Every structure is written in structure tokens, then in C-alpha cells.
Amino acid sequence: MAKDAFSDEVVAAHNAARARHGAPPVSWDPSMTAATQQYANACRFKHSNSQGKYGENLYASSDPKAGIREAVDSWMAEASKYNYNSPGFSAATGHFTQLVWKSSTKVSAVVVQCGAGTIMQQASRFVVVRYTPAGNYPGQFPQNVGRPVK
């Protein structure tokens, strides 16, 4: 699959967010796109069973224009809850930590429209982003989740 405006937008949104925490840029991984698309098409707001093959962030919104930028902004909002003095996993910050995880170098994403009654009572936009290598590994948070860059 050739690079396109969507993959460029995904990479740009991620790299802007990652730079704010000293993480190196990610690049687009087309090899994950088909499986990510298949998973997103099921419209289930539940993490897949990746068995460590990739990290995964999910986002859903009833806004018919919501997309990758809104998803990244939502995940970055979790940064205010992250405890840099006691780094580790928390369900309240897991999207943020995966997003800025320094060891993750590749990304793939899909945005789909889901019908009313699937993810939400109303129709919704569903964003699935996958990362390799996966992040959020116990014991690796101090070296992978950087403090905000001044």
C-alpha cells in the first residue's frame, strides 16, 4: 500500500506528540494495515489479543468528523495524570504512554464509521492505531516515557 494523505497525517500527528516528550519519530507500517482494518471494521471497542506483537490504542467519538488528530489529542490529555516520579502502567494513562513510547518505531491506523448501537448508542467514528514494537512493558517505563520537553 502506497503512502497517502491519511498515513502522512497519522505519522505527523504522532510525531508532533512524541516530540513533546523526547521520543523519536515513528514511520508508517503498511504491513499492519489490513489486519488493523479488519479489526476496526468489527466495531468493537475492546482491545484485540495481540499477545505482544503490537501495541494498540483505541478511540471513539460521536463526532462525524473525528479522526486521528482528535484521537491523539485525547490520548495526550492523559499525560497530566502520569506520575513521572513513579513510572509505570496505569489504565488512566496507558494510551498516552503507548503513544510516546520511545522504543515503538512503526505505526498503522484506521478510522471507520460504526453504526448506532455498536460502540455507542449513536453512530460513531472508531480509530484503531497499532504500534510496533509494542509499548507499556513493566520495568521499561523510565527509559521509554520521557518527561515533557521544555
Protein backbone atom coordinates (compact mmCIF):
# COMPACT_ATOMS: atom_id res chain seq x y z
CA MET A 1 0.00 0.00 0.00
CA ALA A 2 1.44 3.34 -1.02
CA LYS A 3 1.77 6.21 1.38
CA ASP A 4 -1.12 8.64 1.17
CA ALA A 5 -2.50 11.74 2.87
CA PHE A 6 -4.04 9.65 5.68
CA SER A 7 -0.82 7.81 6.56
CA ASP A 8 1.05 11.13 6.41
CA GLU A 9 -1.49 12.66 8.80
CA VAL A 10 -1.19 9.72 11.21
CA VAL A 11 2.60 9.91 11.24
CA ALA A 12 2.63 13.72 11.57
CA ALA A 13 0.15 13.73 14.47
CA HIS A 14 2.09 11.03 16.28
CA ASN A 15 5.49 12.59 15.70
CA ALA A 16 4.35 16.02 16.91
CA ALA A 17 3.03 14.45 20.12
CA ARG A 18 6.08 12.22 20.57
CA ALA A 19 8.48 15.15 20.12
CA ARG A 20 6.84 16.88 23.09
CA HIS A 21 8.19 14.01 25.24
CA GLY A 22 11.56 13.50 23.57
CA ALA A 23 10.51 10.36 21.68
CA PRO A 24 11.98 9.70 18.24
CA PRO A 25 9.70 9.79 15.19
CA VAL A 26 7.66 6.80 14.05
CA SER A 27 7.10 5.75 10.45
CA TRP A 28 4.12 4.17 8.70
CA ASP A 29 3.99 0.37 8.60
CA PRO A 30 1.77 -0.80 5.73
CA SER A 31 2.20 -4.45 6.76
CA MET A 32 -0.20 -3.92 9.70
CA THR A 33 -2.91 -2.05 7.80
CA ALA A 34 -5.03 -4.96 6.53
CA ALA A 35 -5.32 -6.62 9.94
CA THR A 36 -5.96 -3.25 11.60
CA GLN A 37 -8.72 -2.53 9.07
CA GLN A 38 -10.30 -5.94 9.62
CA TYR A 39 -10.29 -5.42 13.38
CA ALA A 40 -11.71 -1.88 13.15
CA ASN A 41 -14.48 -2.99 10.79
CA ALA A 42 -15.91 -5.20 13.55
CA CYS A 43 -16.73 -2.01 15.52
CA ARG A 44 -15.96 -3.48 18.94
CA PHE A 45 -14.46 -1.05 21.46
CA LYS A 46 -12.24 -3.68 23.01
CA HIS A 47 -8.52 -4.27 22.69
CA SER A 48 -7.51 -7.16 20.48
CA ASN A 49 -5.44 -10.05 21.79
CA SER A 50 -2.10 -9.00 20.31
CA GLN A 51 -0.01 -11.30 22.52
CA GLY A 52 2.74 -8.66 22.49
CA LYS A 53 3.03 -8.46 18.69
CA TYR A 54 1.97 -4.80 18.70
CA GLY A 55 0.66 -2.07 20.97
CA GLU A 56 -2.82 -0.73 20.36
CA ASN A 57 -4.74 2.47 21.08
CA LEU A 58 -8.49 2.84 20.54
CA TYR A 59 -10.65 5.96 20.33
CA ALA A 60 -14.33 6.50 19.56
CA SER A 61 -16.41 9.63 19.12
CA SER A 62 -19.93 10.51 18.09
CA ASP A 63 -18.48 13.49 16.17
CA PRO A 64 -18.83 12.51 12.49
CA LYS A 65 -15.65 14.44 11.68
CA ALA A 66 -13.48 12.90 14.42
CA GLY A 67 -10.26 11.32 13.24
CA ILE A 68 -6.65 10.72 14.08
CA ARG A 69 -5.92 14.22 15.41
CA GLU A 70 -8.79 14.05 17.88
CA ALA A 71 -7.66 10.60 18.97
CA VAL A 72 -4.06 11.73 19.52
CA ASP A 73 -5.26 14.82 21.43
CA SER A 74 -7.41 12.59 23.65
CA TRP A 75 -4.52 10.24 24.38
CA MET A 76 -2.13 13.13 25.04
CA ALA A 77 -4.60 14.56 27.58
CA GLU A 78 -3.76 11.54 29.75
CA ALA A 79 -0.22 12.93 30.21
CA SER A 80 -1.44 15.19 33.02
CA LYS A 81 -2.25 12.07 35.07
CA TYR A 82 1.10 10.31 34.50
CA ASN A 83 3.40 10.08 37.54
CA TYR A 84 6.94 10.60 36.24
CA ASN A 85 8.30 10.13 39.78
CA SER A 86 6.82 6.63 39.96
CA PRO A 87 6.74 5.49 36.32
CA GLY A 88 4.65 2.50 35.38
CA PHE A 89 1.43 1.36 33.77
CA SER A 90 -1.93 2.80 34.68
CA ALA A 91 -5.21 2.29 32.84
CA ALA A 92 -5.71 6.07 33.13
CA THR A 93 -2.52 6.80 31.16
CA GLY A 94 -1.93 3.72 29.00
CA HIS A 95 -2.88 5.36 25.70
CA PHE A 96 -0.52 8.25 26.39
CA THR A 97 2.39 6.02 27.37
CA GLN A 98 1.98 3.84 24.26
CA LEU A 99 1.79 6.94 22.06
CA VAL A 100 5.10 8.37 23.35
CA TRP A 101 6.84 5.01 23.98
CA LYS A 102 10.38 5.62 22.70
CA SER A 103 11.01 2.04 21.56
CA SER A 104 7.93 1.96 19.30
CA THR A 105 9.12 2.85 15.80
CA LYS A 106 6.25 1.90 13.45
CA VAL A 107 2.58 2.80 13.34
CA SER A 108 -0.53 1.84 11.39
CA ALA A 109 -4.02 3.25 11.81
CA VAL A 110 -7.57 3.02 10.54
CA VAL A 111 -10.63 5.22 11.05
CA VAL A 112 -14.04 3.67 10.38
CA GLN A 113 -17.66 4.69 10.73
CA CYS A 114 -19.62 2.42 13.08
CA GLY A 115 -23.38 2.18 13.17
CA ALA A 116 -25.63 3.18 16.04
CA GLY A 117 -25.72 0.54 18.76
CA THR A 118 -22.26 -0.90 18.06
CA ILE A 119 -19.75 1.18 20.02
CA MET A 120 -22.12 3.95 21.10
CA GLN A 121 -25.89 4.40 21.08
CA GLN A 122 -25.46 6.74 18.13
CA ALA A 123 -23.29 6.31 15.04
CA SER A 124 -19.61 6.83 15.82
CA ARG A 125 -16.14 7.16 14.40
CA PHE A 126 -13.74 4.47 15.59
CA VAL A 127 -9.96 4.89 15.48
CA VAL A 128 -7.61 1.91 15.86
CA VAL A 129 -3.86 2.55 15.96
CA ARG A 130 -1.26 -0.20 16.22
CA TYR A 131 2.40 0.23 17.17
CA THR A 132 5.49 -1.94 16.81
CA PRO A 133 7.36 -2.83 18.83
CA ALA A 134 4.65 -2.75 21.48
CA GLY A 135 4.97 -0.45 24.47
CA ASN A 136 3.76 -0.42 28.06
CA TYR A 137 6.11 -3.16 29.25
CA PRO A 138 6.64 -3.39 33.03
CA GLY A 139 10.07 -2.20 34.11
CA GLN A 140 10.65 -0.24 30.89
CA PHE A 141 8.67 2.93 31.61
CA PRO A 142 11.55 5.12 32.92
CA GLN A 143 13.55 4.79 29.70
CA ASN A 144 10.56 4.89 27.33
CA VAL A 145 8.24 7.61 28.66
CA GLY A 146 10.01 10.95 28.68
CA ARG A 147 9.07 13.99 30.69
CA PRO A 148 7.70 16.92 28.69
CA VAL A 149 10.43 18.68 26.73
CA LYS A 150 10.85 22.29 27.82
